[in-house]
Amino acid sequence: MGADRCGGPGAGSVTHVSPTHRYPNFTAFIATGAILGFIAGSAVAYFVPGNTTQFGRVYSDTTSVVFMGVVGAFVFGLLAAVVAVLLDRRR
C-alpha cells in the first residue's frame, strides 16, 4: 500500500503563535533607582549648606553625603520598584 499522508507526527496540529509579552526587569529598575537616588541624595547633602541638627550636633560633610545618599537610594529604589510593578500589572 502507500504511505499514509493523513497521519504521522505533527499531522493535524495547529501552530498558534501568541504575542510575546515583555516584562520589566525588576533588578534593573531597582538598581537604577538606587543609583540615581544615591546621586540625588548626595548632591542635596553636598550643595545644601548647614549640616547641624536642631539639637546642635554637627556632622561632617562626608557623613552627611553618605547618609543622605543611602536615604536617597532607599527612597528612589522603592519608587522604582513601584513603577516596575505598575508596568508589569498593566500588561
Protein backbone atom coordinates (compact mmCIF):
# COMPACT_ATOMS: atom_id res chain seq x y z
CA MET A 1 0.00 0.00 0.00
CA GLY A 2 1.22 3.56 0.04
CA ALA A 3 2.28 5.96 2.71
CA ASP A 4 -0.48 7.36 4.87
CA ARG A 5 -0.46 11.06 4.24
CA CYS A 6 -3.10 11.86 6.84
CA GLY A 7 -1.24 10.53 9.85
CA GLY A 8 2.23 10.83 11.18
CA PRO A 9 3.97 13.12 13.59
CA GLY A 10 2.63 16.63 13.55
CA ALA A 11 -0.27 15.84 11.26
CA GLY A 12 -3.28 17.92 12.09
CA SER A 13 -1.51 20.03 14.66
CA VAL A 14 -2.04 23.74 14.50
CA THR A 15 0.73 26.08 15.48
CA HIS A 16 -0.58 29.03 17.41
CA VAL A 17 1.76 31.95 17.83
CA SER A 18 0.87 34.16 20.77
CA PRO A 19 2.22 37.68 21.06
CA THR A 20 5.26 37.92 23.26
CA HIS A 21 4.93 40.00 26.37
CA ARG A 22 7.87 41.97 27.61
CA TYR A 23 8.10 42.23 31.36
CA PRO A 24 10.19 44.84 33.17
CA ASN A 25 13.45 43.68 34.64
CA PHE A 26 12.88 44.38 38.33
CA THR A 27 16.55 44.17 39.27
CA ALA A 28 17.50 46.76 36.65
CA PHE A 29 14.67 49.08 37.71
CA ILE A 30 15.57 48.92 41.41
CA ALA A 31 19.33 49.21 40.83
CA THR A 32 18.88 52.21 38.53
CA GLY A 33 16.58 53.87 41.04
CA ALA A 34 19.01 53.23 43.88
CA ILE A 35 21.96 54.65 41.93
CA LEU A 36 20.04 57.75 40.89
CA GLY A 37 18.75 58.13 44.46
CA PHE A 38 22.24 57.95 45.90
CA ILE A 39 23.44 60.58 43.45
CA ALA A 40 20.46 62.84 44.18
CA GLY A 41 20.71 62.43 47.96
CA SER A 42 24.45 63.02 47.94
CA ALA A 43 24.05 66.14 45.80
CA VAL A 44 21.44 67.54 48.17
CA ALA A 45 23.67 66.92 51.18
CA TYR A 46 26.72 68.37 49.44
CA PHE A 47 25.19 71.52 47.97
CA VAL A 48 22.70 72.49 50.70
CA PRO A 49 24.52 74.40 53.43
CA GLY A 50 24.12 73.59 57.10
CA ASN A 51 24.83 70.17 58.48
CA THR A 52 23.86 71.00 62.07
CA THR A 53 20.86 69.31 63.64
CA GLN A 54 18.27 71.10 65.73
CA PHE A 55 19.96 69.70 68.84
CA GLY A 56 23.30 71.27 67.98
CA ARG A 57 25.01 68.13 66.72
CA VAL A 58 27.38 68.89 63.84
CA TYR A 59 28.04 66.25 61.19
CA SER A 60 30.97 66.24 58.79
CA ASP A 61 30.33 66.73 55.09
CA THR A 62 31.29 63.13 54.36
CA THR A 63 28.84 61.77 56.92
CA SER A 64 26.06 63.95 55.55
CA VAL A 65 26.74 62.93 51.96
CA VAL A 66 26.82 59.20 52.75
CA PHE A 67 23.74 59.32 54.99
CA MET A 68 21.64 61.30 52.53
CA GLY A 69 22.93 59.14 49.68
CA VAL A 70 21.77 55.97 51.41
CA VAL A 71 18.38 57.51 52.25
CA GLY A 72 18.02 58.67 48.64
CA ALA A 73 19.00 55.24 47.33
CA PHE A 74 16.36 53.59 49.52
CA VAL A 75 13.59 56.02 48.56
CA PHE A 76 14.35 56.04 44.83
CA GLY A 77 14.83 52.26 44.78
CA LEU A 78 11.43 51.85 46.41
CA LEU A 79 9.82 54.22 43.91
CA ALA A 80 11.48 52.38 41.02
CA ALA A 81 10.12 49.07 42.33
CA VAL A 82 6.61 50.54 42.47
CA VAL A 83 6.96 51.78 38.88
CA ALA A 84 8.15 48.34 37.76
CA VAL A 85 5.19 46.66 39.46
CA LEU A 86 2.76 49.12 37.85
CA LEU A 87 4.30 48.49 34.43
CA ASP A 88 4.08 44.75 35.00
CA ARG A 89 0.43 44.86 36.08
CA ARG A 90 -0.56 46.98 33.10
CA ARG A 91 0.03 44.06 30.72
